[in-house]
Amino acid sequence: MRLYHSPTSPYVRKVMVLLKETGQEGDVDLVPAAGTPVDPGSMPVAHNPLGKIPALERGDGPTLYDSRVICRYLDDRGGKGLYPAAPRLWDTLTLEATADGILDAAILMVYEGRLRPETHRFEAWVEGQWAKVGRALDALESRWMSHLQGPLDMGQIAIACALGYLDFRHGARDWRKGHDALAAWHEGFAARDSLCSTVPPA
């Protein structure tokens, strides 16, 4: 298999952590890819028409894309149960969706600063994206700690990658403030080998 990859992509990081946790890292060749919404660069548009990573090229079927699809496929292939049986499955999937929503908003904030001309930047829109992140963090703190502290699953991995991305790109906003339980959980969870070895380069 070939995984179109960037070490700074938090969506790719989710896949890499899962590969390490399920012992499948050696089954995948990494193919560097980079681009933006206005310039696809080396993104694998022939394999993913949306021009996004990760994308997983397989020998026995079409290329898979969207990190949630790829993670579900690789967990099924590895048989490790990071997507548990229902009813816990629904909570796991909701946590993964929450993590991806945090990432979507955080990445749009980055693009606003990097890609939009300074005279056209819309600060209220940026703050609206951060408000989504803040609401998600509040929900994690008040509603989801028991799940995060439970058996390892993909919801936990996804949340850890999302929080790591907030540190990477939005550290000055200090997501930990007012989220003491979540911050303590993340400190412990981020010490896992799979997380330590996939920290994006500075």
C-alpha atoms as a PDB file:
ATOM      1  CA  MET A   1       0.000   0.000   0.000  1.00  0.00           C
ATOM      2  CA  ARG A   2       1.049   3.599  -0.598  1.00  0.00           C
ATOM      3  CA  LEU A   3      -0.004   6.427   1.709  1.00  0.00           C
ATOM      4  CA  TYR A   4       0.155   9.979   0.352  1.00  0.00           C
ATOM      5  CA  HIS A   5       1.591  11.767   3.318  1.00  0.00           C
ATOM      6  CA  SER A   6       2.780  14.987   4.925  1.00  0.00           C
ATOM      7  CA  PRO A   7       4.275  14.973   8.438  1.00  0.00           C
ATOM      8  CA  THR A   8       2.474  18.224   9.282  1.00  0.00           C
ATOM      9  CA  SER A   9      -1.021  17.023   8.342  1.00  0.00           C
ATOM     10  CA  PRO A  10      -3.035  16.120  11.442  1.00  0.00           C
ATOM     11  CA  TYR A  11      -5.313  13.931   9.322  1.00  0.00           C
ATOM     12  CA  VAL A  12      -2.285  11.970   8.146  1.00  0.00           C
ATOM     13  CA  ARG A  13      -1.083  11.792  11.733  1.00  0.00           C
ATOM     14  CA  LYS A  14      -4.285   9.994  12.719  1.00  0.00           C
ATOM     15  CA  VAL A  15      -3.519   7.324  10.133  1.00  0.00           C
ATOM     16  CA  MET A  16       0.121   7.053  11.181  1.00  0.00           C
ATOM     17  CA  VAL A  17      -0.814   6.620  14.846  1.00  0.00           C
ATOM     18  CA  LEU A  18      -3.295   3.907  13.936  1.00  0.00           C
ATOM     19  CA  LEU A  19      -0.695   2.134  11.801  1.00  0.00           C
ATOM     20  CA  LYS A  20       1.718   2.121  14.717  1.00  0.00           C
ATOM     21  CA  GLU A  21      -0.884   1.031  17.251  1.00  0.00           C
ATOM     22  CA  THR A  22      -1.996  -1.871  15.010  1.00  0.00           C
ATOM     23  CA  GLY A  23       1.477  -2.993  13.903  1.00  0.00           C
ATOM     24  CA  GLN A  24       0.913  -2.214  10.224  1.00  0.00           C
ATOM     25  CA  GLU A  25       3.436   0.571   9.706  1.00  0.00           C
ATOM     26  CA  GLY A  26       5.721  -1.704   7.671  1.00  0.00           C
ATOM     27  CA  ASP A  27       2.893  -2.503   5.242  1.00  0.00           C
ATOM     28  CA  VAL A  28       2.693   1.052   3.921  1.00  0.00           C
ATOM     29  CA  ASP A  29       5.092   3.087   1.786  1.00  0.00           C
ATOM     30  CA  LEU A  30       4.932   6.845   2.410  1.00  0.00           C
ATOM     31  CA  VAL A  31       4.663   9.128  -0.613  1.00  0.00           C
ATOM     32  CA  PRO A  32       5.302  12.838   0.111  1.00  0.00           C
ATOM     33  CA  ALA A  33       2.515  15.191  -0.958  1.00  0.00           C
ATOM     34  CA  ALA A  34       1.876  18.875  -0.371  1.00  0.00           C
ATOM     35  CA  GLY A  35      -0.426  21.588  -1.650  1.00  0.00           C
ATOM     36  CA  THR A  36      -3.156  24.057  -0.767  1.00  0.00           C
ATOM     37  CA  PRO A  37      -6.751  24.697  -1.859  1.00  0.00           C
ATOM     38  CA  VAL A  38      -5.472  27.230  -4.406  1.00  0.00           C
ATOM     39  CA  ASP A  39      -2.516  25.183  -5.650  1.00  0.00           C
ATOM     40  CA  PRO A  40      -2.734  21.374  -5.496  1.00  0.00           C
ATOM     41  CA  GLY A  41       1.040  21.090  -5.888  1.00  0.00           C
ATOM     42  CA  SER A  42       1.954  17.426  -5.492  1.00  0.00           C
ATOM     43  CA  MET A  43      -1.356  16.385  -3.997  1.00  0.00           C
ATOM     44  CA  PRO A  44      -2.584  13.036  -5.410  1.00  0.00           C
ATOM     45  CA  VAL A  45      -5.397  14.433  -7.548  1.00  0.00           C
ATOM     46  CA  ALA A  46      -5.272  11.373  -9.823  1.00  0.00           C
ATOM     47  CA  HIS A  47      -6.112   9.206  -6.802  1.00  0.00           C
ATOM     48  CA  ASN A  48      -8.270  11.608  -4.803  1.00  0.00           C
ATOM     49  CA  PRO A  49     -10.169  14.097  -6.988  1.00  0.00           C
ATOM     50  CA  LEU A  50     -10.617  16.336  -3.934  1.00  0.00           C
ATOM     51  CA  GLY A  51      -6.840  16.855  -3.897  1.00  0.00           C
ATOM     52  CA  LYS A  52      -6.460  16.074  -0.204  1.00  0.00           C
ATOM     53  CA  ILE A  53      -4.344  13.834   1.966  1.00  0.00           C
ATOM     54  CA  PRO A  54      -4.251  11.254   3.344  1.00  0.00           C
ATOM     55  CA  ALA A  55      -5.036   8.984   0.434  1.00  0.00           C
ATOM     56  CA  LEU A  56      -4.313   5.255   0.605  1.00  0.00           C
ATOM     57  CA  GLU A  57      -3.516   3.491  -2.648  1.00  0.00           C
ATOM     58  CA  ARG A  58      -4.319  -0.213  -2.486  1.00  0.00           C
ATOM     59  CA  GLY A  59      -3.459  -3.079  -4.777  1.00  0.00           C
ATOM     60  CA  ASP A  60      -6.895  -4.673  -4.486  1.00  0.00           C
ATOM     61  CA  GLY A  61      -9.276  -1.776  -4.987  1.00  0.00           C
ATOM     62  CA  PRO A  62      -9.727   1.948  -5.538  1.00  0.00           C
ATOM     63  CA  THR A  63      -7.690   4.446  -3.551  1.00  0.00           C
ATOM     64  CA  LEU A  64      -9.297   5.266  -0.218  1.00  0.00           C
ATOM     65  CA  TYR A  65      -9.483   8.843   0.983  1.00  0.00           C
ATOM     66  CA  ASP A  66     -10.699  10.792   3.988  1.00  0.00           C
ATOM     67  CA  SER A  67      -8.847   9.891   7.146  1.00  0.00           C
ATOM     68  CA  ARG A  68     -11.941   8.374   8.764  1.00  0.00           C
ATOM     69  CA  VAL A  69     -12.426   5.970   5.866  1.00  0.00           C
ATOM     70  CA  ILE A  70      -8.735   5.033   5.825  1.00  0.00           C
ATOM     71  CA  CYS A  71      -8.585   4.504   9.587  1.00  0.00           C
ATOM     72  CA  ARG A  72     -11.695   2.335   9.548  1.00  0.00           C
ATOM     73  CA  TYR A  73     -10.244   0.236   6.719  1.00  0.00           C
ATOM     74  CA  LEU A  74      -6.847  -0.200   8.366  1.00  0.00           C
ATOM     75  CA  ASP A  75      -8.379  -1.078  11.727  1.00  0.00           C
ATOM     76  CA  ASP A  76     -10.528  -3.711  10.053  1.00  0.00           C
ATOM     77  CA  ARG A  77      -7.457  -5.025   8.247  1.00  0.00           C
ATOM     78  CA  GLY A  78      -5.408  -5.134  11.447  1.00  0.00           C
ATOM     79  CA  GLY A  79      -8.207  -6.584  13.569  1.00  0.00           C
ATOM     80  CA  LYS A  80      -7.337  -4.497  16.636  1.00  0.00           C
ATOM     81  CA  GLY A  81     -10.802  -3.205  17.471  1.00  0.00           C
ATOM     82  CA  LEU A  82     -10.042   0.506  17.619  1.00  0.00           C
ATOM     83  CA  TYR A  83     -13.588   0.884  16.331  1.00  0.00           C
ATOM     84  CA  PRO A  84     -15.405  -1.121  19.019  1.00  0.00           C
ATOM     85  CA  ALA A  85     -18.745  -2.827  18.718  1.00  0.00           C
ATOM     86  CA  ALA A  86     -21.951  -0.869  19.257  1.00  0.00           C
ATOM     87  CA  PRO A  87     -23.120   0.784  21.409  1.00  0.00           C
ATOM     88  CA  ARG A  88     -19.644   2.161  22.284  1.00  0.00           C
ATOM     89  CA  LEU A  89     -18.993   2.511  18.539  1.00  0.00           C
ATOM     90  CA  TRP A  90     -21.373   5.465  18.263  1.00  0.00           C
ATOM     91  CA  ASP A  91     -19.484   7.372  20.943  1.00  0.00           C
ATOM     92  CA  THR A  92     -16.165   6.553  19.273  1.00  0.00           C
ATOM     93  CA  LEU A  93     -17.399   7.813  15.910  1.00  0.00           C
ATOM     94  CA  THR A  94     -18.839  10.963  17.475  1.00  0.00           C
ATOM     95  CA  LEU A  95     -15.517  11.708  19.156  1.00  0.00           C
ATOM     96  CA  GLU A  96     -13.670  11.167  15.879  1.00  0.00           C
ATOM     97  CA  ALA A  97     -16.098  13.519  14.120  1.00  0.00           C
ATOM     98  CA  THR A  98     -15.586  16.093  16.879  1.00  0.00           C
ATOM     99  CA  ALA A  99     -11.824  15.849  16.441  1.00  0.00           C
ATOM    100  CA  ASP A 100     -12.100  16.307  12.682  1.00  0.00           C
ATOM    101  CA  GLY A 101     -14.404  19.293  13.206  1.00  0.00           C
ATOM    102  CA  ILE A 102     -11.784  20.886  15.456  1.00  0.00           C
ATOM    103  CA  LEU A 103      -9.181  20.278  12.759  1.00  0.00           C
ATOM    104  CA  ASP A 104     -11.382  21.648   9.982  1.00  0.00           C
ATOM    105  CA  ALA A 105     -11.876  24.905  11.869  1.00  0.00           C
ATOM    106  CA  ALA A 106      -8.231  25.179  12.955  1.00  0.00           C
ATOM    107  CA  ILE A 107      -6.932  24.594   9.426  1.00  0.00           C
ATOM    108  CA  LEU A 108      -9.317  27.163   7.951  1.00  0.00           C
ATOM    109  CA  MET A 109      -7.838  29.667  10.382  1.00  0.00           C
ATOM    110  CA  VAL A 110      -4.362  28.843   9.109  1.00  0.00           C
ATOM    111  CA  TYR A 111      -5.440  29.211   5.481  1.00  0.00           C
ATOM    112  CA  GLU A 112      -7.046  32.586   6.205  1.00  0.00           C
ATOM    113  CA  GLY A 113      -3.702  33.897   7.428  1.00  0.00           C
ATOM    114  CA  ARG A 114      -1.538  32.254   4.796  1.00  0.00           C
ATOM    115  CA  LEU A 115      -3.576  32.327   1.597  1.00  0.00           C
ATOM    116  CA  ARG A 116      -5.925  35.290   1.764  1.00  0.00           C
ATOM    117  CA  PRO A 117      -4.404  38.709   1.008  1.00  0.00           C
ATOM    118  CA  GLU A 118      -4.043  40.705   4.201  1.00  0.00           C
ATOM    119  CA  THR A 119      -6.458  43.414   3.066  1.00  0.00           C
ATOM    120  CA  HIS A 120      -9.199  40.801   2.590  1.00  0.00           C
ATOM    121  CA  ARG A 121      -8.816  38.847   5.813  1.00  0.00           C
ATOM    122  CA  PHE A 122     -11.977  38.600   7.890  1.00  0.00           C
ATOM    123  CA  GLU A 123     -11.157  38.566  11.587  1.00  0.00           C
ATOM    124  CA  ALA A 124     -14.719  37.856  12.694  1.00  0.00           C
ATOM    125  CA  TRP A 125     -14.725  34.754  10.500  1.00  0.00           C
ATOM    126  CA  VAL A 126     -11.452  33.588  12.057  1.00  0.00           C
ATOM    127  CA  GLU A 127     -12.854  34.067  15.541  1.00  0.00           C
ATOM    128  CA  GLY A 128     -15.987  32.212  14.493  1.00  0.00           C
ATOM    129  CA  GLN A 129     -13.833  29.228  13.622  1.00  0.00           C
ATOM    130  CA  TRP A 130     -12.102  29.403  16.993  1.00  0.00           C
ATOM    131  CA  ALA A 131     -15.509  29.577  18.677  1.00  0.00           C
ATOM    132  CA  LYS A 132     -16.289  26.178  17.133  1.00  0.00           C
ATOM    133  CA  VAL A 133     -13.055  24.828  18.592  1.00  0.00           C
ATOM    134  CA  GLY A 134     -13.895  26.313  21.980  1.00  0.00           C
ATOM    135  CA  ARG A 135     -17.355  24.742  22.059  1.00  0.00           C
ATOM    136  CA  ALA A 136     -15.891  21.378  21.136  1.00  0.00           C
ATOM    137  CA  LEU A 137     -13.282  21.649  23.886  1.00  0.00           C
ATOM    138  CA  ASP A 138     -15.987  22.547  26.400  1.00  0.00           C
ATOM    139  CA  ALA A 139     -18.010  19.508  25.336  1.00  0.00           C
ATOM    140  CA  LEU A 140     -15.002  17.225  25.688  1.00  0.00           C
ATOM    141  CA  GLU A 141     -14.298  18.601  29.168  1.00  0.00           C
ATOM    142  CA  SER A 142     -17.879  18.321  30.407  1.00  0.00           C
ATOM    143  CA  ARG A 143     -19.245  15.290  28.573  1.00  0.00           C
ATOM    144  CA  TRP A 144     -16.573  12.976  27.227  1.00  0.00           C
ATOM    145  CA  MET A 145     -13.844  12.491  29.825  1.00  0.00           C
ATOM    146  CA  SER A 146     -15.098   9.071  30.927  1.00  0.00           C
ATOM    147  CA  HIS A 147     -14.823   7.812  27.346  1.00  0.00           C
ATOM    148  CA  LEU A 148     -11.415   9.376  26.823  1.00  0.00           C
ATOM    149  CA  GLN A 149     -10.181   7.637  29.974  1.00  0.00           C
ATOM    150  CA  GLY A 150     -11.564   4.260  28.856  1.00  0.00           C
ATOM    151  CA  PRO A 151     -10.131   1.506  26.623  1.00  0.00           C
ATOM    152  CA  LEU A 152      -8.048   2.675  23.675  1.00  0.00           C
ATOM    153  CA  ASP A 153     -10.074   3.500  20.584  1.00  0.00           C
ATOM    154  CA  MET A 154      -9.980   5.712  17.518  1.00  0.00           C
ATOM    155  CA  GLY A 155     -11.957   8.483  19.187  1.00  0.00           C
ATOM    156  CA  GLN A 156      -9.153   8.998  21.680  1.00  0.00           C
ATOM    157  CA  ILE A 157      -6.485   8.905  18.970  1.00  0.00           C
ATOM    158  CA  ALA A 158      -8.359  11.452  16.874  1.00  0.00           C
ATOM    159  CA  ILE A 159      -8.850  13.841  19.807  1.00  0.00           C
ATOM    160  CA  ALA A 160      -5.171  13.579  20.761  1.00  0.00           C
ATOM    161  CA  CYS A 161      -4.139  14.431  17.188  1.00  0.00           C
ATOM    162  CA  ALA A 162      -6.536  17.382  17.102  1.00  0.00           C
ATOM    163  CA  LEU A 163      -5.215  18.778  20.385  1.00  0.00           C
ATOM    164  CA  GLY A 164      -1.669  18.285  19.148  1.00  0.00           C
ATOM    165  CA  TYR A 165      -2.501  20.329  16.068  1.00  0.00           C
ATOM    166  CA  LEU A 166      -3.852  23.152  18.227  1.00  0.00           C
ATOM    167  CA  ASP A 167      -0.494  23.178  20.004  1.00  0.00           C
ATOM    168  CA  PHE A 168       1.334  23.098  16.657  1.00  0.00           C
ATOM    169  CA  ARG A 169      -0.511  25.896  14.861  1.00  0.00           C
ATOM    170  CA  HIS A 170      -2.446  27.808  17.534  1.00  0.00           C
ATOM    171  CA  GLY A 171      -0.362  27.462  20.668  1.00  0.00           C
ATOM    172  CA  ALA A 172      -0.759  31.116  21.604  1.00  0.00           C
ATOM    173  CA  ARG A 173      -4.494  30.597  22.093  1.00  0.00           C
ATOM    174  CA  ASP A 174      -3.812  28.150  24.953  1.00  0.00           C
ATOM    175  CA  TRP A 175      -6.614  25.599  24.510  1.00  0.00           C
ATOM    176  CA  ARG A 176      -5.763  24.164  27.960  1.00  0.00           C
ATOM    177  CA  LYS A 177      -7.122  27.202  29.820  1.00  0.00           C
ATOM    178  CA  GLY A 178     -10.408  26.184  31.417  1.00  0.00           C
ATOM    179  CA  HIS A 179      -9.994  22.567  30.309  1.00  0.00           C
ATOM    180  CA  ASP A 180      -7.978  21.105  33.159  1.00  0.00           C
ATOM    181  CA  ALA A 181      -9.254  17.527  32.906  1.00  0.00           C
ATOM    182  CA  LEU A 182      -8.777  17.423  29.138  1.00  0.00           C
ATOM    183  CA  ALA A 183      -5.273  18.880  29.445  1.00  0.00           C
ATOM    184  CA  ALA A 184      -4.309  16.285  32.068  1.00  0.00           C
ATOM    185  CA  TRP A 185      -5.682  13.469  29.910  1.00  0.00           C
ATOM    186  CA  HIS A 186      -3.812  14.732  26.854  1.00  0.00           C
ATOM    187  CA  GLU A 187      -0.531  14.990  28.727  1.00  0.00           C
ATOM    188  CA  GLY A 188      -0.704  11.313  29.621  1.00  0.00           C
ATOM    189  CA  PHE A 189      -2.091  10.069  26.315  1.00  0.00           C
ATOM    190  CA  ALA A 190       0.427  12.035  24.237  1.00  0.00           C
ATOM    191  CA  ALA A 191       3.234  10.093  25.930  1.00  0.00           C
ATOM    192  CA  ARG A 192       2.292   6.970  23.966  1.00  0.00           C
ATOM    193  CA  ASP A 193       5.029   5.893  21.565  1.00  0.00           C
ATOM    194  CA  SER A 194       2.664   6.235  18.595  1.00  0.00           C
ATOM    195  CA  LEU A 195       2.028   9.894  19.440  1.00  0.00           C
ATOM    196  CA  CYS A 196       5.600  10.768  20.369  1.00  0.00           C
ATOM    197  CA  SER A 197       6.933   9.395  17.080  1.00  0.00           C
ATOM    198  CA  THR A 198       4.437  11.333  14.944  1.00  0.00           C
ATOM    199  CA  VAL A 199       4.814  14.827  16.416  1.00  0.00           C
ATOM    200  CA  PRO A 200       4.982  17.236  13.450  1.00  0.00           C
ATOM    201  CA  PRO A 201       8.347  18.883  12.820  1.00  0.00           C
ATOM    202  CA  ALA A 202       8.712  22.407  14.167  1.00  0.00           C
END
